[in-house]
N, C-alpha and C. Protein backbone atom coordinates (compact mmCIF):
# COMPACT_ATOMS: atom_id res chain seq x y z
N PHE A 1 131.17 105.85 129.11
CA PHE A 1 131.97 106.41 128.06
C PHE A 1 132.21 107.89 128.33
N LYS A 2 133.23 108.44 127.70
CA LYS A 2 133.52 109.87 127.73
C LYS A 2 133.34 110.42 126.32
N ALA A 3 132.92 111.66 126.24
CA ALA A 3 132.80 112.35 124.96
C ALA A 3 134.00 113.26 124.78
N PHE A 4 134.40 113.47 123.52
CA PHE A 4 135.48 114.40 123.24
C PHE A 4 135.15 115.23 122.01
N VAL A 5 135.70 116.43 121.98
CA VAL A 5 135.65 117.30 120.81
C VAL A 5 137.07 117.81 120.59
N HIS A 6 137.57 117.66 119.36
CA HIS A 6 138.92 118.09 119.02
C HIS A 6 138.86 119.20 117.98
N LEU A 7 139.62 120.27 118.21
CA LEU A 7 139.82 121.33 117.23
C LEU A 7 141.18 121.08 116.60
N LEU A 8 141.23 121.00 115.26
CA LEU A 8 142.45 120.62 114.56
C LEU A 8 142.96 121.74 113.67
N ASP A 9 144.29 121.89 113.63
CA ASP A 9 144.87 122.87 112.72
C ASP A 9 144.91 122.29 111.30
N GLY A 10 145.46 123.05 110.36
CA GLY A 10 145.51 122.62 108.96
C GLY A 10 146.29 121.34 108.74
N GLY A 11 147.21 121.02 109.64
CA GLY A 11 148.00 119.80 109.54
C GLY A 11 147.38 118.61 110.25
N GLY A 12 146.18 118.80 110.82
CA GLY A 12 145.49 117.72 111.50
C GLY A 12 145.89 117.52 112.95
N GLN A 13 146.70 118.44 113.50
CA GLN A 13 147.12 118.34 114.90
C GLN A 13 146.05 118.94 115.81
N VAL A 14 145.82 118.29 116.95
CA VAL A 14 144.85 118.80 117.93
C VAL A 14 145.44 120.06 118.58
N VAL A 15 144.72 121.19 118.44
CA VAL A 15 145.17 122.45 119.04
C VAL A 15 144.23 122.92 120.15
N GLY A 16 143.14 122.22 120.32
CA GLY A 16 142.19 122.50 121.39
C GLY A 16 141.28 121.31 121.56
N GLN A 17 140.84 121.07 122.78
CA GLN A 17 139.96 119.92 122.99
C GLN A 17 139.20 120.05 124.30
N HIS A 18 138.15 119.26 124.38
CA HIS A 18 137.43 119.11 125.64
C HIS A 18 136.96 117.67 125.73
N ASP A 19 137.17 117.05 126.87
CA ASP A 19 136.68 115.70 127.16
C ASP A 19 135.78 115.80 128.38
N GLY A 20 134.73 115.01 128.40
CA GLY A 20 133.85 115.02 129.56
C GLY A 20 132.75 113.98 129.45
N ASP A 21 131.96 113.89 130.50
CA ASP A 21 130.83 112.98 130.49
C ASP A 21 129.80 113.47 129.48
N PRO A 22 129.27 112.58 128.64
CA PRO A 22 128.24 112.99 127.70
C PRO A 22 127.06 113.64 128.43
N VAL A 23 126.59 114.74 127.89
CA VAL A 23 125.46 115.49 128.43
C VAL A 23 125.70 115.84 129.91
N GLY A 24 126.95 116.10 130.26
CA GLY A 24 127.28 116.48 131.62
C GLY A 24 126.99 115.40 132.65
N GLY A 25 126.82 114.15 132.20
CA GLY A 25 126.52 113.04 133.10
C GLY A 25 125.05 112.90 133.45
N PHE A 26 124.20 113.77 132.88
CA PHE A 26 122.78 113.73 133.22
C PHE A 26 122.01 112.63 132.49
N THR A 27 122.51 112.20 131.34
CA THR A 27 121.86 111.14 130.58
C THR A 27 122.91 110.11 130.21
N PRO A 28 123.11 109.08 131.03
CA PRO A 28 124.14 108.07 130.76
C PRO A 28 123.92 107.41 129.40
N THR A 29 125.02 107.03 128.75
CA THR A 29 124.92 106.39 127.44
C THR A 29 124.14 105.08 127.51
N SER A 30 124.06 104.46 128.67
CA SER A 30 123.29 103.21 128.82
C SER A 30 121.80 103.45 128.59
N ARG A 31 121.36 104.70 128.66
CA ARG A 31 119.95 105.02 128.42
C ARG A 31 119.67 105.46 126.99
N TRP A 32 120.71 105.64 126.20
CA TRP A 32 120.52 106.08 124.81
C TRP A 32 119.91 104.95 123.99
N ARG A 33 119.06 105.32 123.05
CA ARG A 33 118.45 104.34 122.15
C ARG A 33 119.05 104.47 120.75
N THR A 34 119.12 103.39 120.04
CA THR A 34 119.62 103.41 118.67
C THR A 34 118.86 104.44 117.85
N GLY A 35 119.60 105.29 117.15
CA GLY A 35 118.99 106.31 116.31
C GLY A 35 118.62 107.59 117.03
N GLU A 36 118.72 107.60 118.36
CA GLU A 36 118.37 108.79 119.13
C GLU A 36 119.40 109.89 118.88
N ILE A 37 118.94 111.12 118.76
CA ILE A 37 119.83 112.27 118.64
C ILE A 37 120.05 112.85 120.02
N VAL A 38 121.31 112.92 120.43
CA VAL A 38 121.67 113.44 121.75
C VAL A 38 122.46 114.73 121.55
N VAL A 39 121.99 115.82 122.13
CA VAL A 39 122.66 117.11 122.02
C VAL A 39 123.60 117.29 123.21
N ASP A 40 124.84 117.68 122.93
CA ASP A 40 125.84 117.83 123.97
C ASP A 40 126.62 119.12 123.72
N THR A 41 127.07 119.78 124.77
CA THR A 41 127.82 121.03 124.65
C THR A 41 129.22 120.85 125.23
N HIS A 42 130.21 121.29 124.49
CA HIS A 42 131.61 121.24 124.94
C HIS A 42 132.25 122.58 124.62
N ARG A 43 132.88 123.19 125.61
CA ARG A 43 133.57 124.47 125.41
C ARG A 43 135.07 124.23 125.27
N ILE A 44 135.63 124.78 124.19
CA ILE A 44 137.06 124.64 123.92
C ILE A 44 137.71 126.01 124.04
N PRO A 45 138.68 126.18 124.95
CA PRO A 45 139.38 127.47 125.06
C PRO A 45 140.11 127.81 123.76
N LEU A 46 139.95 129.04 123.28
CA LEU A 46 140.55 129.45 122.01
C LEU A 46 141.51 130.62 122.15
N ALA A 47 141.74 131.12 123.35
CA ALA A 47 142.48 132.36 123.56
C ALA A 47 143.84 132.41 122.88
N GLU A 48 144.55 131.32 122.79
CA GLU A 48 145.92 131.33 122.24
C GLU A 48 145.98 131.04 120.74
N LEU A 49 144.85 130.79 120.11
CA LEU A 49 144.86 130.39 118.70
C LEU A 49 144.87 131.59 117.76
N PRO A 50 145.68 131.52 116.71
CA PRO A 50 145.64 132.58 115.71
C PRO A 50 144.40 132.43 114.82
N PRO A 51 143.98 133.52 114.18
CA PRO A 51 142.86 133.42 113.25
C PRO A 51 143.18 132.41 112.15
N GLY A 52 142.16 131.76 111.63
CA GLY A 52 142.36 130.81 110.54
C GLY A 52 141.28 129.77 110.48
N SER A 53 141.49 128.81 109.58
CA SER A 53 140.55 127.70 109.39
C SER A 53 141.00 126.50 110.20
N TYR A 54 140.06 125.87 110.85
CA TYR A 54 140.32 124.71 111.69
C TYR A 54 139.28 123.64 111.39
N GLY A 55 139.59 122.41 111.76
CA GLY A 55 138.64 121.32 111.65
C GLY A 55 138.07 121.00 113.03
N LEU A 56 136.90 120.39 113.05
CA LEU A 56 136.27 120.02 114.31
C LEU A 56 135.81 118.57 114.20
N LYS A 57 136.27 117.74 115.13
CA LYS A 57 135.91 116.32 115.16
C LYS A 57 135.46 115.96 116.57
N ALA A 58 134.62 114.92 116.66
CA ALA A 58 134.09 114.50 117.96
C ALA A 58 133.87 113.00 117.98
N GLY A 59 133.69 112.48 119.19
CA GLY A 59 133.41 111.07 119.34
C GLY A 59 133.28 110.68 120.80
N LEU A 60 133.24 109.38 121.01
CA LEU A 60 133.16 108.80 122.35
C LEU A 60 134.32 107.83 122.52
N TYR A 61 134.78 107.67 123.76
CA TYR A 61 135.83 106.68 124.01
C TYR A 61 135.60 105.99 125.34
N GLU A 62 136.23 104.82 125.46
CA GLU A 62 136.20 104.02 126.68
C GLU A 62 137.33 104.51 127.58
N PRO A 63 137.03 105.10 128.75
CA PRO A 63 138.08 105.68 129.60
C PRO A 63 139.16 104.69 130.04
N ALA A 64 138.80 103.45 130.30
CA ALA A 64 139.78 102.47 130.81
C ALA A 64 140.86 102.17 129.78
N THR A 65 140.50 102.19 128.49
CA THR A 65 141.46 101.85 127.44
C THR A 65 141.82 103.04 126.56
N VAL A 66 141.10 104.15 126.72
CA VAL A 66 141.24 105.34 125.88
C VAL A 66 141.13 104.96 124.40
N THR A 67 140.19 104.06 124.11
CA THR A 67 139.94 103.62 122.75
C THR A 67 138.65 104.25 122.25
N ASN A 68 138.73 104.93 121.09
CA ASN A 68 137.55 105.56 120.51
C ASN A 68 136.55 104.50 120.04
N LEU A 69 135.27 104.79 120.24
CA LEU A 69 134.23 103.93 119.71
C LEU A 69 134.07 104.22 118.21
N PRO A 70 133.66 103.23 117.43
CA PRO A 70 133.46 103.47 116.00
C PRO A 70 132.36 104.51 115.76
N VAL A 71 132.52 105.28 114.69
CA VAL A 71 131.52 106.28 114.30
C VAL A 71 130.90 105.88 112.97
N GLN A 72 129.77 106.49 112.65
CA GLN A 72 129.09 106.27 111.37
C GLN A 72 128.93 107.59 110.64
N PRO A 73 129.34 107.69 109.39
CA PRO A 73 130.06 106.66 108.64
C PRO A 73 131.46 106.44 109.23
N PRO A 74 132.00 105.24 109.00
CA PRO A 74 133.31 104.90 109.57
C PRO A 74 134.41 105.86 109.10
N THR A 75 135.36 106.14 109.99
CA THR A 75 136.54 106.94 109.65
C THR A 75 137.77 106.21 110.19
N PRO A 76 138.94 106.45 109.60
CA PRO A 76 140.15 105.76 110.07
C PRO A 76 140.50 106.04 111.53
N ASP A 77 140.15 107.24 112.02
CA ASP A 77 140.51 107.60 113.40
C ASP A 77 139.34 107.51 114.37
N ASP A 78 138.21 106.99 113.93
CA ASP A 78 137.01 106.85 114.77
C ASP A 78 136.62 108.18 115.42
N ARG A 79 136.69 109.25 114.63
CA ARG A 79 136.22 110.57 115.05
C ARG A 79 135.27 111.08 113.97
N ALA A 80 134.12 111.59 114.38
CA ALA A 80 133.15 112.12 113.42
C ALA A 80 133.56 113.53 113.02
N GLU A 81 133.54 113.79 111.72
CA GLU A 81 133.86 115.11 111.18
C GLU A 81 132.65 116.01 111.36
N LEU A 82 132.81 117.09 112.14
CA LEU A 82 131.71 118.03 112.38
C LEU A 82 131.75 119.19 111.41
N GLY A 83 132.89 119.39 110.77
CA GLY A 83 132.98 120.45 109.77
C GLY A 83 134.09 121.43 110.04
N PRO A 84 134.26 122.36 109.10
CA PRO A 84 135.28 123.40 109.29
C PRO A 84 134.80 124.48 110.25
N VAL A 85 135.77 125.12 110.90
CA VAL A 85 135.50 126.23 111.81
C VAL A 85 136.43 127.37 111.41
N GLU A 86 135.89 128.55 111.27
CA GLU A 86 136.69 129.73 110.94
C GLU A 86 136.82 130.59 112.20
N ILE A 87 138.05 130.85 112.63
CA ILE A 87 138.29 131.72 113.78
C ILE A 87 138.81 133.05 113.25
N ASP A 88 138.11 134.11 113.58
CA ASP A 88 138.46 135.44 113.09
C ASP A 88 138.32 136.42 114.24
N TRP A 89 139.43 136.83 114.82
CA TRP A 89 139.39 137.73 115.97
C TRP A 89 139.18 139.14 115.54
């Protein structure tokens, strides 16, 4: 699987993102256990964004089909809401 993090503007459009191997490929998802908390870091370039409020969502997807895996609690777009982000230059 691949991990993704999306930065969204007020209209819900993706204005920044990063996709990559979970945990940099060091801990394959096949080794994850149910209920385990896995910490992952993703850097999203912000240089072109104006100051303001943004949303942050994340998830996993199957690369062959580019289909997001379901998240808990369920969401219509299968992306977990990580919360608001305030950008203030």
